[in-house]
């Protein structure tokens, strides 16, 4: 038997399936809709205390909204690995009504149905958080001692949608502590967003633009006295769709595809009158290497160029600033890095057919490490992003347990072990 096969055999033999699943389901049962992160942070802190993590900290990034982090110090000399994820989940509006009278009715019930754990936050991303913690418990159960350090950090305020929240306040606080030296700088980061156990070394960037077009109202019988904002918005939208085609044709990234923009909202009109105001909303996808500032400037130029009436005004706002004032930057690391291959092999060893290298079709918080701190980071965790934020959010139990084994194997290989 090879050393690699021996590692997986030891891990599978030591895996306490029930304990790992209970940890996962317990996290779901702690309602942590954005703003209420303290509820699950306390649960995770207790789980981390059970694992005898050192330097365990629970610190508010905003009043009453804590991050929690801690570290297992290795027994030798080796690199430092960080697992990180967000504790907050999106709202549950309509969940109970959708599943009324079934075992899935409680969005925080963590029901097991057809071999999967259901509930809000199951995939996004409590499976990732708890599989990383359960992986360290598995190493302990298997008697495997790490040479290097493994840290865990669980932060709030990643999800958007709740008024006044969702601006990555939690991770901004945490990375600032790394910059000041209060928290030790890791050598490699796994952000546990759901990937179905694929490894994502690249992700898209984005920004949201809200565009207000203002003309002048007039009674419908004398439209020549008005300035029609709705008509102007039609010209703007036509120009924006053309611009989307143009930016899509510029380049294709091997892992995350092509850029585009999507108009997501339109409102406006007048009551038996020339419409005075119209509001558009759009989201722009960016590829790694694209400038967010330049992309926003192009949007503004496109809209202004489509409206040739100087009496119609246009205003732009960008409500979703993340690691950039206007939005979230794209990020990537070299997909051929040895750490990426190591994680891919660890996952595929835990579950055949998984661990493939792909790109994230979403934005999350790895750019804070890759772009701001210069620390390589990937996404990898159990769960399917396609059912997150929906009434069908669930994670297959066997995929979750494979994540536990795969993460444990990666910890052992990355950090090294001491017999």
Protein backbone atom coordinates (compact mmCIF):
# COMPACT_ATOMS: atom_id res chain seq x y z
CA UNK A 1 0.00 0.00 0.00
CA UNK A 2 1.38 3.44 -0.96
CA UNK A 3 1.71 6.21 1.59
CA UNK A 4 -1.10 8.06 -0.19
CA UNK A 5 -3.46 5.10 0.00
CA UNK A 6 -2.45 4.54 3.62
CA UNK A 7 -3.40 8.15 4.48
CA UNK A 8 -6.90 7.82 3.01
CA UNK A 9 -7.36 4.41 4.63
CA UNK A 10 -6.45 5.84 8.04
CA UNK A 11 -8.78 8.79 7.59
CA UNK A 12 -11.75 6.72 6.43
CA UNK A 13 -11.28 4.26 9.27
CA UNK A 14 -11.22 7.08 11.85
CA UNK A 15 -14.12 9.11 10.42
CA UNK A 16 -17.01 9.58 12.85
CA UNK A 17 -19.77 10.16 10.33
CA UNK A 18 -22.44 10.92 12.91
CA UNK A 19 -20.33 13.48 14.78
CA UNK A 20 -19.43 15.30 11.56
CA UNK A 21 -23.04 15.39 10.37
CA UNK A 22 -24.24 16.54 13.79
CA UNK A 23 -21.75 19.42 13.69
CA UNK A 24 -23.02 20.41 10.24
CA UNK A 25 -26.69 20.20 11.16
CA UNK A 26 -26.09 22.12 14.38
CA UNK A 27 -24.60 25.02 12.43
CA UNK A 28 -27.68 25.19 10.18
CA UNK A 29 -29.94 25.19 13.24
CA UNK A 30 -28.34 28.44 14.39
CA UNK A 31 -30.16 31.13 12.40
CA UNK A 32 -27.51 33.55 11.17
CA UNK A 33 -29.26 35.74 8.61
CA UNK A 34 -26.96 38.67 7.86
CA UNK A 35 -26.81 40.84 10.97
CA UNK A 36 -27.39 37.88 13.29
CA UNK A 37 -23.95 36.28 12.95
CA UNK A 38 -23.47 36.17 16.73
CA UNK A 39 -25.89 33.25 16.94
CA UNK A 40 -23.73 30.85 14.95
CA UNK A 41 -20.41 32.43 15.94
CA UNK A 42 -20.96 31.26 19.51
CA UNK A 43 -21.71 27.74 18.27
CA UNK A 44 -18.56 27.66 16.14
CA UNK A 45 -16.44 29.09 18.94
CA UNK A 46 -17.51 26.19 21.18
CA UNK A 47 -16.67 23.68 18.44
CA UNK A 48 -13.26 25.32 18.02
CA UNK A 49 -12.72 25.24 21.77
CA UNK A 50 -13.41 21.50 21.73
CA UNK A 51 -10.64 21.16 19.14
CA UNK A 52 -8.23 22.89 21.56
CA UNK A 53 -7.43 25.72 19.19
CA UNK A 54 -5.07 28.33 20.55
CA UNK A 55 -5.51 32.11 20.33
CA UNK A 56 -9.27 31.61 20.03
CA UNK A 57 -10.88 35.00 19.55
CA UNK A 58 -14.45 36.20 19.20
CA UNK A 59 -14.32 39.90 18.31
CA UNK A 60 -17.02 42.23 17.02
CA UNK A 61 -16.40 43.73 13.59
CA UNK A 62 -19.52 45.83 14.22
CA UNK A 63 -21.44 46.10 17.50
CA UNK A 64 -23.02 42.75 18.31
CA UNK A 65 -21.69 41.14 15.14
CA UNK A 66 -18.59 39.03 15.80
CA UNK A 67 -15.95 37.25 13.80
CA UNK A 68 -14.38 34.16 15.36
CA UNK A 69 -10.96 32.70 14.68
CA UNK A 70 -8.36 30.37 16.14
CA UNK A 71 -5.33 28.25 15.29
CA UNK A 72 -4.00 24.73 15.77
CA UNK A 73 -0.27 25.15 16.26
CA UNK A 74 1.73 22.44 14.55
CA UNK A 75 4.20 20.24 16.40
CA UNK A 76 7.01 20.80 13.92
CA UNK A 77 7.96 23.28 11.25
CA UNK A 78 5.70 23.66 8.26
CA UNK A 79 3.61 26.13 6.28
CA UNK A 80 0.54 27.88 7.66
CA UNK A 81 -2.87 27.04 6.14
CA UNK A 82 -6.07 29.06 6.64
CA UNK A 83 -9.66 27.91 6.15
CA UNK A 84 -12.11 30.80 6.08
CA UNK A 85 -15.79 31.33 5.34
CA UNK A 86 -18.69 33.62 6.06
CA UNK A 87 -21.14 32.85 8.83
CA UNK A 88 -24.12 34.84 7.57
CA UNK A 89 -26.88 33.45 5.34
CA UNK A 90 -29.53 35.05 3.16
CA UNK A 91 -33.15 35.61 4.20
CA UNK A 92 -35.77 32.86 4.37
CA UNK A 93 -38.73 34.80 2.96
CA UNK A 94 -41.24 32.33 1.52
CA UNK A 95 -39.37 29.20 2.65
CA UNK A 96 -41.99 28.02 5.14
CA UNK A 97 -44.82 28.65 2.72
CA UNK A 98 -43.02 26.75 -0.03
CA UNK A 99 -42.43 23.68 2.16
CA UNK A 100 -45.54 23.93 4.38
CA UNK A 101 -46.58 20.58 5.81
CA UNK A 102 -43.31 18.83 4.94
CA UNK A 103 -40.22 17.95 6.95
CA UNK A 104 -38.40 20.78 5.17
CA UNK A 105 -40.80 23.46 6.46
CA UNK A 106 -38.35 24.87 9.04
CA UNK A 107 -35.56 26.64 7.12
CA UNK A 108 -33.27 26.08 10.09
CA UNK A 109 -34.42 22.54 10.85
CA UNK A 110 -31.53 20.82 9.03
CA UNK A 111 -33.84 18.04 7.85
CA UNK A 112 -32.29 14.97 6.25
CA UNK A 113 -34.23 14.10 3.10
CA UNK A 114 -33.11 11.63 0.43
CA UNK A 115 -29.53 11.51 1.65
CA UNK A 116 -29.07 15.28 1.87
CA UNK A 117 -29.13 17.90 4.61
CA UNK A 118 -31.60 20.71 3.85
CA UNK A 119 -31.84 24.24 5.20
CA UNK A 120 -30.88 27.84 4.74
CA UNK A 121 -27.10 28.09 4.76
CA UNK A 122 -26.56 24.37 4.19
CA UNK A 123 -24.43 25.00 1.14
CA UNK A 124 -23.75 28.70 1.57
CA UNK A 125 -21.75 27.88 3.44
CA UNK A 126 -22.09 25.92 6.64
CA UNK A 127 -21.11 22.68 4.94
CA UNK A 128 -17.76 24.26 4.11
CA UNK A 129 -17.21 25.69 7.57
CA UNK A 130 -18.08 22.52 9.46
CA UNK A 131 -16.31 20.15 7.05
CA UNK A 132 -13.08 22.10 7.64
CA UNK A 133 -13.47 21.85 11.43
CA UNK A 134 -14.48 18.19 11.21
CA UNK A 135 -11.36 17.57 9.10
CA UNK A 136 -9.12 18.66 11.98
CA UNK A 137 -11.11 16.46 14.37
CA UNK A 138 -10.59 13.59 11.91
CA UNK A 139 -6.82 14.08 11.92
CA UNK A 140 -6.87 13.95 15.71
CA UNK A 141 -8.95 10.77 15.66
CA UNK A 142 -6.54 9.19 13.18
CA UNK A 143 -3.55 10.12 15.34
CA UNK A 144 -2.05 12.35 12.63
CA UNK A 145 -0.06 15.30 13.97
CA UNK A 146 0.54 18.30 11.73
CA UNK A 147 3.94 19.92 11.44
CA UNK A 148 2.59 23.27 10.25
CA UNK A 149 -0.25 25.40 11.56
CA UNK A 150 -3.91 25.31 10.53
CA UNK A 151 -6.05 28.36 11.24
CA UNK A 152 -9.80 28.88 10.95
CA UNK A 153 -11.57 32.21 10.60
CA UNK A 154 -15.30 32.67 10.26
CA UNK A 155 -16.47 36.17 9.36
CA UNK A 156 -19.77 37.98 8.90
CA UNK A 157 -21.44 40.37 6.48
CA UNK A 158 -20.66 38.65 3.17
CA UNK A 159 -24.22 38.21 1.97
CA UNK A 160 -26.06 41.18 0.49
CA UNK A 161 -29.78 41.84 0.56
CA UNK A 162 -30.40 43.01 4.10
CA UNK A 163 -30.63 46.83 4.41
CA UNK A 164 -27.37 48.38 5.55
CA UNK A 165 -25.45 45.12 5.45
CA UNK A 166 -23.53 42.94 3.04
CA UNK A 167 -20.43 45.05 2.44
CA UNK A 168 -17.84 42.51 3.66
CA UNK A 169 -17.37 44.36 6.94
CA UNK A 170 -16.29 41.14 8.67
CA UNK A 171 -13.43 40.24 6.37
CA UNK A 172 -12.31 43.85 6.10
CA UNK A 173 -11.80 43.81 9.86
CA UNK A 174 -10.01 40.45 9.75
CA UNK A 175 -7.55 41.25 6.95
CA UNK A 176 -6.74 44.56 8.62
CA UNK A 177 -5.66 42.55 11.66
CA UNK A 178 -3.39 40.48 9.39
CA UNK A 179 -1.91 43.68 7.96
CA UNK A 180 -1.17 45.07 11.43
CA UNK A 181 0.36 41.78 12.60
CA UNK A 182 -2.31 41.06 15.20
CA UNK A 183 -3.27 37.91 13.27
CA UNK A 184 -0.56 35.74 11.75
CA UNK A 185 -0.30 35.82 7.98
CA UNK A 186 -1.12 32.45 6.34
CA UNK A 187 0.78 30.95 3.41
CA UNK A 188 -2.29 29.63 1.60
CA UNK A 189 -6.05 30.14 1.99
CA UNK A 190 -9.05 27.93 1.28
CA UNK A 191 -12.27 29.94 1.25
CA UNK A 192 -15.08 27.44 1.79
CA UNK A 193 -17.66 28.69 -0.71
CA UNK A 194 -19.67 25.81 -2.25
CA UNK A 195 -18.00 24.35 -5.34
CA UNK A 196 -19.27 20.73 -5.32
CA UNK A 197 -15.68 19.99 -4.25
CA UNK A 198 -14.15 21.52 -7.34
CA UNK A 199 -11.14 23.79 -6.81
CA UNK A 200 -11.55 27.36 -8.05
CA UNK A 201 -8.28 29.32 -8.45
CA UNK A 202 -10.07 32.09 -10.39
CA UNK A 203 -13.23 34.10 -9.87
CA UNK A 204 -15.19 36.86 -11.57
CA UNK A 205 -15.38 40.46 -10.49
CA UNK A 206 -18.53 42.57 -10.52
CA UNK A 207 -20.16 45.88 -9.88
CA UNK A 208 -23.77 47.01 -9.69
CA UNK A 209 -24.72 50.35 -11.24
CA UNK A 210 -27.96 52.18 -10.50
CA UNK A 211 -28.66 54.76 -13.19
CA UNK A 212 -31.18 57.57 -12.78
CA UNK A 213 -32.33 59.34 -15.96
CA UNK A 214 -34.25 62.56 -15.30
CA UNK A 215 -36.20 64.58 -17.86
CA UNK A 216 -39.19 66.87 -17.42
CA UNK A 217 -42.82 65.92 -16.94
CA UNK A 218 -45.65 67.40 -19.00
CA UNK A 219 -49.33 66.71 -19.54
CA UNK A 220 -49.87 63.99 -22.14
CA UNK A 221 -51.75 66.34 -24.44
CA UNK A 222 -48.74 68.61 -24.83
CA UNK A 223 -45.79 66.21 -24.82
CA UNK A 224 -43.60 68.72 -26.62
CA UNK A 225 -43.32 70.60 -23.31
CA UNK A 226 -41.72 67.60 -21.60
CA UNK A 227 -38.52 65.60 -21.78
CA UNK A 228 -39.29 61.89 -21.88
CA UNK A 229 -37.00 59.99 -19.50
CA UNK A 230 -38.53 56.65 -20.48
CA UNK A 231 -37.76 57.22 -24.14
CA UNK A 232 -34.21 58.21 -23.21
CA UNK A 233 -33.86 55.04 -21.13
CA UNK A 234 -34.83 52.98 -24.18
CA UNK A 235 -31.91 54.46 -26.09
CA UNK A 236 -29.61 53.89 -23.11
CA UNK A 237 -30.63 50.25 -22.79
CA UNK A 238 -30.12 49.59 -26.49
CA UNK A 239 -26.63 51.07 -26.22
CA UNK A 240 -25.87 49.04 -23.09
CA UNK A 241 -26.88 45.77 -24.73
CA UNK A 242 -24.64 46.60 -27.68
CA UNK A 243 -21.82 47.40 -25.23
CA UNK A 244 -22.36 44.02 -23.56
CA UNK A 245 -21.85 42.27 -26.89
CA UNK A 246 -18.68 44.30 -27.47
CA UNK A 247 -17.07 43.49 -24.13
CA UNK A 248 -18.02 39.84 -24.45
CA UNK A 249 -16.17 39.67 -27.75
CA UNK A 250 -12.95 41.12 -26.31
CA UNK A 251 -11.61 38.02 -24.53
CA UNK A 252 -12.48 34.69 -23.00
CA UNK A 253 -10.92 33.47 -19.78
CA UNK A 254 -10.21 29.73 -19.67
CA UNK A 255 -11.92 29.28 -16.29
CA UNK A 256 -14.55 32.01 -15.97
CA UNK A 257 -15.62 32.67 -19.55
CA UNK A 258 -16.50 36.08 -21.03
CA UNK A 259 -17.46 39.46 -19.65
CA UNK A 260 -20.96 40.88 -20.03
CA UNK A 261 -23.47 43.19 -18.42
CA UNK A 262 -27.02 42.37 -17.47
CA UNK A 263 -29.76 44.96 -17.07
CA UNK A 264 -31.60 43.76 -13.98
CA UNK A 265 -34.23 46.42 -13.38
CA UNK A 266 -36.23 49.21 -14.97
CA UNK A 267 -38.74 51.50 -13.32
CA UNK A 268 -40.32 54.75 -14.42
CA UNK A 269 -43.35 56.36 -15.93
CA UNK A 270 -45.86 59.15 -15.45
CA UNK A 271 -49.59 59.23 -14.71
CA UNK A 272 -51.14 60.37 -18.01
CA UNK A 273 -48.02 62.46 -18.43
CA UNK A 274 -44.57 62.47 -20.01
CA UNK A 275 -42.37 60.34 -17.73
CA UNK A 276 -39.97 62.56 -15.82
CA UNK A 277 -37.72 59.95 -14.24
CA UNK A 278 -36.55 56.45 -15.07
CA UNK A 279 -34.22 54.22 -13.07
CA UNK A 280 -32.12 51.38 -14.47
CA UNK A 281 -30.05 48.81 -12.61
CA UNK A 282 -27.37 46.61 -14.09
CA UNK A 283 -24.63 44.23 -13.04
CA UNK A 284 -21.33 43.97 -14.88
CA UNK A 285 -19.20 40.81 -14.84
CA UNK A 286 -15.44 41.33 -15.01
CA UNK A 287 -12.63 38.93 -15.87
CA UNK A 288 -9.33 38.73 -13.98
CA UNK A 289 -7.17 41.57 -15.22
CA UNK A 290 -10.05 43.87 -16.13
CA UNK A 291 -10.05 47.27 -14.41
CA UNK A 292 -13.20 47.93 -12.44
CA UNK A 293 -12.71 51.68 -12.74
CA UNK A 294 -12.33 51.48 -16.51
CA UNK A 295 -15.35 49.21 -16.86
CA UNK A 296 -17.50 51.64 -14.88
CA UNK A 297 -16.24 54.57 -16.93
CA UNK A 298 -17.21 52.72 -20.10
CA UNK A 299 -20.73 52.16 -18.77
CA UNK A 300 -21.11 55.85 -17.99
CA UNK A 301 -19.80 56.88 -21.40
CA UNK A 302 -22.14 54.43 -23.13
CA UNK A 303 -25.22 55.77 -21.38
CA UNK A 304 -24.31 59.43 -21.80
CA UNK A 305 -23.48 58.86 -25.45
CA UNK A 306 -26.93 57.39 -26.08
CA UNK A 307 -28.72 60.49 -24.70
CA UNK A 308 -28.13 63.54 -26.88
CA UNK A 309 -30.59 65.88 -25.17
CA UNK A 310 -28.69 68.18 -22.81
CA UNK A 311 -31.85 68.82 -20.77
CA UNK A 312 -32.02 65.15 -19.74
CA UNK A 313 -29.64 64.41 -16.87
CA UNK A 314 -28.03 61.12 -15.88
CA UNK A 315 -26.71 60.11 -12.45
CA UNK A 316 -24.83 56.94 -11.48
CA UNK A 317 -24.42 55.21 -8.13
CA UNK A 318 -22.59 52.02 -7.18
CA UNK A 319 -24.21 50.45 -4.10
CA UNK A 320 -22.18 47.25 -3.78
CA UNK A 321 -18.65 48.26 -2.89
CA UNK A 322 -16.59 45.35 -1.55
CA UNK A 323 -12.81 45.27 -1.84
CA UNK A 324 -13.17 48.21 -4.24
CA UNK A 325 -15.31 51.33 -3.74
CA UNK A 326 -17.45 50.44 -6.77
CA UNK A 327 -17.74 46.66 -6.38
CA UNK A 328 -15.66 43.50 -6.11
CA UNK A 329 -12.49 42.88 -8.10
CA UNK A 330 -11.84 39.70 -10.04
CA UNK A 331 -9.04 37.48 -8.80
CA UNK A 332 -6.95 34.54 -9.88
CA UNK A 333 -3.84 32.61 -8.95
CA UNK A 334 -1.83 30.33 -11.19
CA UNK A 335 -3.88 27.17 -11.63
CA UNK A 336 -0.61 25.23 -11.93
CA UNK A 337 0.55 26.12 -8.42
CA UNK A 338 1.54 23.00 -6.45
CA UNK A 339 -0.94 23.83 -3.67
CA UNK A 340 -3.80 23.82 -6.17
CA UNK A 341 -2.76 20.40 -7.49
CA UNK A 342 -2.33 19.13 -3.94
CA UNK A 343 -5.85 20.17 -2.95
CA UNK A 344 -7.29 18.78 -6.18
CA UNK A 345 -5.62 15.42 -5.58
CA UNK A 346 -6.73 15.32 -1.94
CA UNK A 347 -10.36 15.91 -2.93
CA UNK A 348 -10.31 13.41 -5.81
CA UNK A 349 -8.80 10.85 -3.46
CA UNK A 350 -11.75 11.38 -1.12
CA UNK A 351 -14.41 11.21 -3.85
CA UNK A 352 -13.71 10.04 -7.37
CA UNK A 353 -14.62 12.55 -10.04
CA UNK A 354 -14.28 15.61 -7.78
CA UNK A 355 -11.42 18.01 -7.28
CA UNK A 356 -11.50 19.33 -10.85
CA UNK A 357 -10.01 22.76 -11.54
CA UNK A 358 -12.62 25.34 -12.55
CA UNK A 359 -13.56 29.00 -12.09
CA UNK A 360 -16.01 30.65 -9.72
CA UNK A 361 -19.13 32.05 -11.46
CA UNK A 362 -19.72 34.19 -8.38
CA UNK A 363 -17.97 36.86 -6.38
CA UNK A 364 -16.88 36.23 -2.84
CA UNK A 365 -14.08 37.40 -0.61
CA UNK A 366 -10.87 35.74 -1.83
CA UNK A 367 -9.73 39.01 -3.53
CA UNK A 368 -9.07 40.40 -0.05
CA UNK A 369 -6.28 37.81 0.16
CA UNK A 370 -5.19 37.53 -3.47
CA UNK A 371 -5.33 41.19 -4.49
CA UNK A 372 -4.98 43.07 -1.22
CA UNK A 373 -2.60 40.87 0.77
CA UNK A 374 -0.87 38.95 -2.04
CA UNK A 375 -1.71 35.59 -0.42
CA UNK A 376 -2.79 32.75 -2.76
CA UNK A 377 -6.37 31.61 -2.19
CA UNK A 378 -8.88 29.23 -3.76
CA UNK A 379 -12.50 28.29 -3.24
CA UNK A 380 -13.38 24.70 -2.39
CA UNK A 381 -16.16 23.12 -0.33
CA UNK A 382 -19.16 20.80 -0.46
CA UNK A 383 -22.40 22.28 -1.76
CA UNK A 384 -23.86 23.42 -5.06
CA UNK A 385 -24.02 27.17 -5.67
CA UNK A 386 -26.97 26.60 -8.02
CA UNK A 387 -29.34 25.71 -5.17
CA UNK A 388 -28.05 28.30 -2.70
CA UNK A 389 -30.31 31.30 -1.97
CA UNK A 390 -33.27 29.15 -3.10
CA UNK A 391 -35.90 27.01 -1.37
CA UNK A 392 -33.94 23.96 -2.53
CA UNK A 393 -30.73 24.63 -0.62
CA UNK A 394 -29.23 21.30 0.44
CA UNK A 395 -25.96 19.36 0.48
CA UNK A 396 -25.54 15.66 -0.23
CA UNK A 397 -24.28 13.87 2.87
CA UNK A 398 -21.70 11.79 1.00
CA UNK A 399 -20.31 14.93 -0.63
CA UNK A 400 -20.08 16.62 2.76
CA UNK A 401 -18.23 13.67 4.28
CA UNK A 402 -15.91 13.52 1.28
CA UNK A 403 -15.13 17.15 1.99
CA UNK A 404 -14.15 16.23 5.54
CA UNK A 405 -11.80 13.49 4.35
CA UNK A 406 -10.42 15.58 1.48
CA UNK A 407 -9.73 18.60 3.67
CA UNK A 408 -8.05 16.39 6.26
CA UNK A 409 -5.82 14.86 3.58
CA UNK A 410 -4.95 18.31 2.25
CA UNK A 411 -4.08 19.58 5.73
CA UNK A 412 -1.75 16.62 6.21
CA UNK A 413 -0.06 17.03 2.82
CA UNK A 414 0.21 20.84 2.88
CA UNK A 415 1.32 21.27 6.49
CA UNK A 416 3.33 18.07 6.69
CA UNK A 417 3.08 15.54 9.49
CA UNK A 418 5.20 14.42 12.42
CA UNK A 419 5.06 10.80 13.49
